[in-house]
Amino acid sequence: MANNLNQHHSAIVREDISEYVAQLQLHMTLQARNLVPTLTHQTAGDSREQLLQQTQAYFEKQVSRQPL
């Protein structure tokens, strides 16, 4: 019985940590989005802006798929 309680407690702690990490990753992603300067050059800026948007979308997708 005590072993089951310990396993249950460990599972809850892992869930709490996973949720905290997911929230922290989301917060960091949103903060990074606000810190990146606006790319205004139309020549090289287009590819950099596209790469930035793809990277942000990738990280947001990864964070949203984290188990809670």
C-alpha atoms as a PDB file:
ATOM      1  CA  MET A   1       0.000   0.000   0.000  1.00  0.00           C
ATOM      2  CA  ALA A   2       2.790   2.406   0.920  1.00  0.00           C
ATOM      3  CA  ASN A   3       4.557   1.562  -2.342  1.00  0.00           C
ATOM      4  CA  ASN A   4       1.436   2.523  -4.313  1.00  0.00           C
ATOM      5  CA  LEU A   5       1.224   5.828  -2.441  1.00  0.00           C
ATOM      6  CA  ASN A   6       4.885   6.558  -3.162  1.00  0.00           C
ATOM      7  CA  GLN A   7       4.412   5.778  -6.854  1.00  0.00           C
ATOM      8  CA  HIS A   8       1.304   7.961  -6.984  1.00  0.00           C
ATOM      9  CA  HIS A   9       3.139  10.804  -5.238  1.00  0.00           C
ATOM     10  CA  SER A  10       6.091  10.473  -7.659  1.00  0.00           C
ATOM     11  CA  ALA A  11       3.734  10.569 -10.636  1.00  0.00           C
ATOM     12  CA  ILE A  12       2.085  13.741  -9.307  1.00  0.00           C
ATOM     13  CA  VAL A  13       5.472  15.398  -8.756  1.00  0.00           C
ATOM     14  CA  ARG A  14       6.580  14.484 -12.310  1.00  0.00           C
ATOM     15  CA  GLU A  15       3.319  15.897 -13.682  1.00  0.00           C
ATOM     16  CA  ASP A  16       3.811  19.121 -11.734  1.00  0.00           C
ATOM     17  CA  ILE A  17       7.375  19.476 -13.003  1.00  0.00           C
ATOM     18  CA  SER A  18       6.319  18.728 -16.584  1.00  0.00           C
ATOM     19  CA  GLU A  19       3.584  21.330 -16.377  1.00  0.00           C
ATOM     20  CA  TYR A  20       5.987  23.878 -14.903  1.00  0.00           C
ATOM     21  CA  VAL A  21       8.540  23.235 -17.673  1.00  0.00           C
ATOM     22  CA  ALA A  22       5.869  23.534 -20.372  1.00  0.00           C
ATOM     23  CA  GLN A  23       4.648  26.831 -18.908  1.00  0.00           C
ATOM     24  CA  LEU A  24       8.222  28.100 -18.637  1.00  0.00           C
ATOM     25  CA  GLN A  25       8.960  27.160 -22.261  1.00  0.00           C
ATOM     26  CA  LEU A  26       5.823  28.919 -23.432  1.00  0.00           C
ATOM     27  CA  HIS A  27       6.705  32.017 -21.410  1.00  0.00           C
ATOM     28  CA  MET A  28      10.246  32.039 -22.800  1.00  0.00           C
ATOM     29  CA  THR A  29       8.976  31.639 -26.361  1.00  0.00           C
ATOM     30  CA  LEU A  30       6.555  34.522 -25.971  1.00  0.00           C
ATOM     31  CA  GLN A  31       9.253  36.679 -24.364  1.00  0.00           C
ATOM     32  CA  ALA A  32      11.666  35.886 -27.194  1.00  0.00           C
ATOM     33  CA  ARG A  33       9.015  36.882 -29.708  1.00  0.00           C
ATOM     34  CA  ASN A  34       8.840  40.324 -28.069  1.00  0.00           C
ATOM     35  CA  LEU A  35      12.636  40.709 -27.966  1.00  0.00           C
ATOM     36  CA  VAL A  36      13.336  39.959 -31.625  1.00  0.00           C
ATOM     37  CA  PRO A  37      13.707  43.169 -33.630  1.00  0.00           C
ATOM     38  CA  THR A  38      11.410  43.753 -36.555  1.00  0.00           C
ATOM     39  CA  LEU A  39      13.002  42.793 -39.857  1.00  0.00           C
ATOM     40  CA  THR A  40      12.347  45.578 -42.342  1.00  0.00           C
ATOM     41  CA  HIS A  41      14.741  44.830 -45.214  1.00  0.00           C
ATOM     42  CA  GLN A  42      12.846  43.283 -48.104  1.00  0.00           C
ATOM     43  CA  THR A  43      15.817  41.499 -49.695  1.00  0.00           C
ATOM     44  CA  ALA A  44      17.602  39.427 -47.055  1.00  0.00           C
ATOM     45  CA  GLY A  45      14.892  40.194 -44.521  1.00  0.00           C
ATOM     46  CA  ASP A  46      12.309  38.029 -46.225  1.00  0.00           C
ATOM     47  CA  SER A  47      14.246  34.808 -45.748  1.00  0.00           C
ATOM     48  CA  ARG A  48      15.257  35.734 -42.193  1.00  0.00           C
ATOM     49  CA  GLU A  49      11.707  36.700 -41.310  1.00  0.00           C
ATOM     50  CA  GLN A  50      10.398  33.462 -42.782  1.00  0.00           C
ATOM     51  CA  LEU A  51      12.998  31.457 -40.814  1.00  0.00           C
ATOM     52  CA  LEU A  52      12.075  33.329 -37.637  1.00  0.00           C
ATOM     53  CA  GLN A  53       8.367  32.649 -38.146  1.00  0.00           C
ATOM     54  CA  GLN A  54       9.028  28.970 -38.861  1.00  0.00           C
ATOM     55  CA  THR A  55      11.202  28.678 -35.737  1.00  0.00           C
ATOM     56  CA  GLN A  56       8.597  30.367 -33.547  1.00  0.00           C
ATOM     57  CA  ALA A  57       5.846  28.157 -34.957  1.00  0.00           C
ATOM     58  CA  TYR A  58       7.968  25.056 -34.339  1.00  0.00           C
ATOM     59  CA  PHE A  59       8.645  25.955 -30.701  1.00  0.00           C
ATOM     60  CA  GLU A  60       5.041  26.916 -30.049  1.00  0.00           C
ATOM     61  CA  LYS A  61       3.905  23.604 -31.545  1.00  0.00           C
ATOM     62  CA  GLN A  62       6.386  21.686 -29.390  1.00  0.00           C
ATOM     63  CA  VAL A  63       5.275  23.501 -26.242  1.00  0.00           C
ATOM     64  CA  SER A  64       1.602  22.980 -27.006  1.00  0.00           C
ATOM     65  CA  ARG A  65       2.194  19.237 -27.397  1.00  0.00           C
ATOM     66  CA  GLN A  66       3.830  18.888 -23.991  1.00  0.00           C
ATOM     67  CA  PRO A  67       1.770  16.608 -21.740  1.00  0.00           C
ATOM     68  CA  LEU A  68       0.180  18.429 -18.845  1.00  0.00           C
END
